[in-house]
Amino acid sequence: MAIGFVLITTIPGKEQDVRDKLDGIELVTSRWMLFGEYDIIARIQSDDEFSLTRCIVEEIRPIEGIADTKTLLGAEL
């Protein structure tokens, strides 16, 4: 199983739009609003890292209203 967290900075005023679009992405298992450097954190989960990466690159990053992202991938040790 692959798990990642995407820290998202939105364009001011677009927070709700981005949250709504994240809710429509199958691999996004949850998301929370943040206060501070980032506006939203999204938890994503998939059976493999390829699907996880593809979701980030093809579905999350292109969302209109996102200014920047930082992705953290979890590792099983």
N, C-alpha and C. Protein backbone atom coordinates (compact mmCIF):
# COMPACT_ATOMS: atom_id res chain seq x y z
N MET A 1 0.85 -1.17 0.00
CA MET A 1 0.00 0.00 0.00
C MET A 1 0.90 1.24 0.00
N ALA A 2 0.50 2.24 -0.75
CA ALA A 2 1.24 3.50 -0.82
C ALA A 2 0.37 4.62 -0.26
N ILE A 3 0.98 5.43 0.60
CA ILE A 3 0.27 6.55 1.21
C ILE A 3 1.11 7.81 1.04
N GLY A 4 0.43 8.90 0.74
CA GLY A 4 1.12 10.18 0.60
C GLY A 4 0.26 11.30 1.16
N PHE A 5 0.93 12.41 1.42
CA PHE A 5 0.26 13.61 1.88
C PHE A 5 0.68 14.74 0.95
N VAL A 6 -0.29 15.50 0.48
CA VAL A 6 0.00 16.63 -0.40
C VAL A 6 -0.36 17.90 0.35
N LEU A 7 0.66 18.72 0.59
CA LEU A 7 0.47 20.03 1.21
C LEU A 7 0.19 21.01 0.08
N ILE A 8 -0.91 21.73 0.20
CA ILE A 8 -1.39 22.56 -0.90
C ILE A 8 -1.50 24.02 -0.48
N THR A 9 -0.95 24.89 -1.32
CA THR A 9 -1.14 26.33 -1.17
C THR A 9 -2.11 26.75 -2.27
N THR A 10 -3.17 27.41 -1.88
CA THR A 10 -4.18 27.82 -2.86
C THR A 10 -4.05 29.31 -3.18
N ILE A 11 -4.66 29.68 -4.28
CA ILE A 11 -4.81 31.09 -4.61
C ILE A 11 -5.85 31.64 -3.62
N PRO A 12 -5.61 32.80 -3.02
CA PRO A 12 -6.57 33.34 -2.05
C PRO A 12 -8.00 33.35 -2.59
N GLY A 13 -8.92 32.85 -1.77
CA GLY A 13 -10.31 32.81 -2.15
C GLY A 13 -10.73 31.53 -2.87
N LYS A 14 -9.78 30.67 -3.21
CA LYS A 14 -10.09 29.45 -3.96
C LYS A 14 -10.06 28.20 -3.08
N GLU A 15 -9.94 28.36 -1.78
CA GLU A 15 -9.82 27.22 -0.88
C GLU A 15 -11.00 26.25 -1.01
N GLN A 16 -12.21 26.77 -0.99
CA GLN A 16 -13.40 25.92 -1.06
C GLN A 16 -13.48 25.19 -2.40
N ASP A 17 -13.15 25.87 -3.49
CA ASP A 17 -13.17 25.24 -4.81
C ASP A 17 -12.20 24.07 -4.86
N VAL A 18 -11.00 24.27 -4.32
CA VAL A 18 -10.00 23.20 -4.33
C VAL A 18 -10.47 22.04 -3.46
N ARG A 19 -11.01 22.33 -2.28
CA ARG A 19 -11.53 21.27 -1.41
C ARG A 19 -12.60 20.46 -2.11
N ASP A 20 -13.52 21.12 -2.79
CA ASP A 20 -14.60 20.43 -3.49
C ASP A 20 -14.05 19.51 -4.58
N LYS A 21 -13.04 19.97 -5.30
CA LYS A 21 -12.45 19.16 -6.37
C LYS A 21 -11.68 17.97 -5.80
N LEU A 22 -11.02 18.17 -4.67
CA LEU A 22 -10.32 17.06 -4.02
C LEU A 22 -11.30 15.97 -3.60
N ASP A 23 -12.49 16.37 -3.16
CA ASP A 23 -13.51 15.40 -2.75
C ASP A 23 -13.94 14.49 -3.89
N GLY A 24 -13.74 14.92 -5.12
CA GLY A 24 -14.12 14.12 -6.27
C GLY A 24 -13.03 13.21 -6.80
N ILE A 25 -11.87 13.20 -6.15
CA ILE A 25 -10.75 12.36 -6.60
C ILE A 25 -10.75 11.07 -5.78
N GLU A 26 -10.83 9.96 -6.46
CA GLU A 26 -10.99 8.65 -5.81
C GLU A 26 -9.90 8.33 -4.79
N LEU A 27 -8.65 8.62 -5.09
CA LEU A 27 -7.55 8.24 -4.20
C LEU A 27 -7.36 9.19 -3.02
N VAL A 28 -8.04 10.32 -3.02
CA VAL A 28 -7.98 11.23 -1.87
C VAL A 28 -8.90 10.67 -0.79
N THR A 29 -8.29 10.19 0.31
CA THR A 29 -9.08 9.54 1.35
C THR A 29 -9.57 10.53 2.40
N SER A 30 -8.89 11.66 2.55
CA SER A 30 -9.33 12.72 3.45
C SER A 30 -8.53 13.98 3.16
N ARG A 31 -9.05 15.09 3.66
CA ARG A 31 -8.35 16.37 3.49
C ARG A 31 -8.79 17.30 4.61
N TRP A 32 -7.88 18.18 4.99
CA TRP A 32 -8.14 19.11 6.09
C TRP A 32 -7.66 20.49 5.70
N MET A 33 -8.35 21.49 6.21
CA MET A 33 -7.90 22.88 6.07
C MET A 33 -6.80 23.11 7.09
N LEU A 34 -5.82 23.92 6.73
CA LEU A 34 -4.70 24.24 7.61
C LEU A 34 -4.60 25.74 7.80
N PHE A 35 -3.94 26.14 8.85
CA PHE A 35 -3.61 27.54 9.08
C PHE A 35 -2.09 27.61 9.15
N GLY A 36 -1.51 28.47 8.36
CA GLY A 36 -0.06 28.59 8.34
C GLY A 36 0.45 28.66 6.92
N GLU A 37 1.58 28.04 6.69
CA GLU A 37 2.24 28.11 5.39
C GLU A 37 1.41 27.46 4.27
N TYR A 38 0.67 26.40 4.59
CA TYR A 38 -0.16 25.69 3.62
C TYR A 38 -1.63 25.87 3.97
N ASP A 39 -2.49 25.73 2.98
CA ASP A 39 -3.92 25.93 3.17
C ASP A 39 -4.70 24.63 3.36
N ILE A 40 -4.23 23.57 2.69
CA ILE A 40 -4.93 22.28 2.72
C ILE A 40 -3.89 21.17 2.76
N ILE A 41 -4.21 20.09 3.48
CA ILE A 41 -3.43 18.86 3.38
C ILE A 41 -4.37 17.75 2.94
N ALA A 42 -3.95 17.00 1.93
CA ALA A 42 -4.76 15.90 1.42
C ALA A 42 -4.02 14.59 1.63
N ARG A 43 -4.71 13.60 2.15
CA ARG A 43 -4.15 12.25 2.31
C ARG A 43 -4.59 11.44 1.11
N ILE A 44 -3.64 10.78 0.46
CA ILE A 44 -3.95 9.95 -0.69
C ILE A 44 -3.44 8.54 -0.43
N GLN A 45 -4.18 7.56 -0.92
CA GLN A 45 -3.83 6.17 -0.69
C GLN A 45 -4.11 5.35 -1.93
N SER A 46 -3.19 4.45 -2.23
CA SER A 46 -3.32 3.61 -3.41
C SER A 46 -2.67 2.26 -3.14
N ASP A 47 -2.91 1.31 -4.03
CA ASP A 47 -2.28 0.00 -3.90
C ASP A 47 -0.81 0.03 -4.26
N ASP A 48 -0.41 1.01 -5.08
CA ASP A 48 0.99 1.07 -5.50
C ASP A 48 1.43 2.52 -5.69
N GLU A 49 2.74 2.73 -5.70
CA GLU A 49 3.29 4.08 -5.83
C GLU A 49 3.03 4.69 -7.20
N PHE A 50 2.97 3.87 -8.23
CA PHE A 50 2.71 4.39 -9.57
C PHE A 50 1.36 5.09 -9.63
N SER A 51 0.32 4.44 -9.11
CA SER A 51 -1.02 5.04 -9.12
C SER A 51 -1.06 6.30 -8.25
N LEU A 52 -0.35 6.24 -7.14
CA LEU A 52 -0.29 7.39 -6.24
C LEU A 52 0.35 8.59 -6.95
N THR A 53 1.48 8.35 -7.57
CA THR A 53 2.19 9.42 -8.29
C THR A 53 1.35 9.96 -9.43
N ARG A 54 0.71 9.07 -10.15
CA ARG A 54 -0.13 9.48 -11.28
C ARG A 54 -1.28 10.38 -10.80
N CYS A 55 -1.88 10.03 -9.67
CA CYS A 55 -2.96 10.83 -9.10
C CYS A 55 -2.47 12.24 -8.78
N ILE A 56 -1.31 12.33 -8.17
CA ILE A 56 -0.76 13.63 -7.80
C ILE A 56 -0.50 14.48 -9.04
N VAL A 57 0.17 13.90 -10.01
CA VAL A 57 0.58 14.65 -11.20
C VAL A 57 -0.58 14.97 -12.13
N GLU A 58 -1.49 14.02 -12.32
CA GLU A 58 -2.55 14.19 -13.32
C GLU A 58 -3.87 14.70 -12.77
N GLU A 59 -4.13 14.51 -11.47
CA GLU A 59 -5.43 14.90 -10.94
C GLU A 59 -5.38 16.03 -9.91
N ILE A 60 -4.35 16.03 -9.07
CA ILE A 60 -4.31 17.04 -8.01
C ILE A 60 -3.62 18.32 -8.48
N ARG A 61 -2.41 18.22 -8.97
CA ARG A 61 -1.67 19.43 -9.35
C ARG A 61 -2.36 20.31 -10.38
N PRO A 62 -3.10 19.74 -11.35
CA PRO A 62 -3.76 20.60 -12.35
C PRO A 62 -5.02 21.33 -11.85
N ILE A 63 -5.45 21.07 -10.61
CA ILE A 63 -6.67 21.70 -10.12
C ILE A 63 -6.54 23.22 -10.17
N GLU A 64 -7.51 23.86 -10.79
CA GLU A 64 -7.53 25.32 -10.86
C GLU A 64 -7.70 25.87 -9.45
N GLY A 65 -6.85 26.82 -9.09
CA GLY A 65 -6.89 27.40 -7.75
C GLY A 65 -5.73 26.97 -6.88
N ILE A 66 -4.97 25.97 -7.33
CA ILE A 66 -3.77 25.56 -6.60
C ILE A 66 -2.59 26.38 -7.10
N ALA A 67 -1.89 27.01 -6.16
CA ALA A 67 -0.71 27.79 -6.51
C ALA A 67 0.57 26.96 -6.39
N ASP A 68 0.59 26.03 -5.41
CA ASP A 68 1.81 25.26 -5.17
C ASP A 68 1.47 24.01 -4.37
N THR A 69 2.28 22.96 -4.53
CA THR A 69 2.11 21.74 -3.74
C THR A 69 3.46 21.25 -3.25
N LYS A 70 3.42 20.49 -2.18
CA LYS A 70 4.59 19.78 -1.68
C LYS A 70 4.07 18.40 -1.28
N THR A 71 4.71 17.36 -1.80
CA THR A 71 4.23 16.00 -1.57
C THR A 71 5.18 15.25 -0.65
N LEU A 72 4.59 14.55 0.31
CA LEU A 72 5.34 13.70 1.23
C LEU A 72 4.84 12.27 1.04
N LEU A 73 5.73 11.35 0.67
CA LEU A 73 5.35 9.96 0.50
C LEU A 73 5.74 9.17 1.74
N GLY A 74 4.83 8.33 2.20
CA GLY A 74 5.11 7.48 3.34
C GLY A 74 5.90 6.25 2.90
N ALA A 75 6.69 5.72 3.83
CA ALA A 75 7.49 4.53 3.54
C ALA A 75 7.32 3.52 4.67
N GLU A 76 7.19 2.27 4.28
CA GLU A 76 7.16 1.20 5.27
C GLU A 76 8.56 0.70 5.48
N LEU A 77 9.04 0.73 6.72
CA LEU A 77 10.40 0.27 7.02
C LEU A 77 10.34 -1.00 7.84
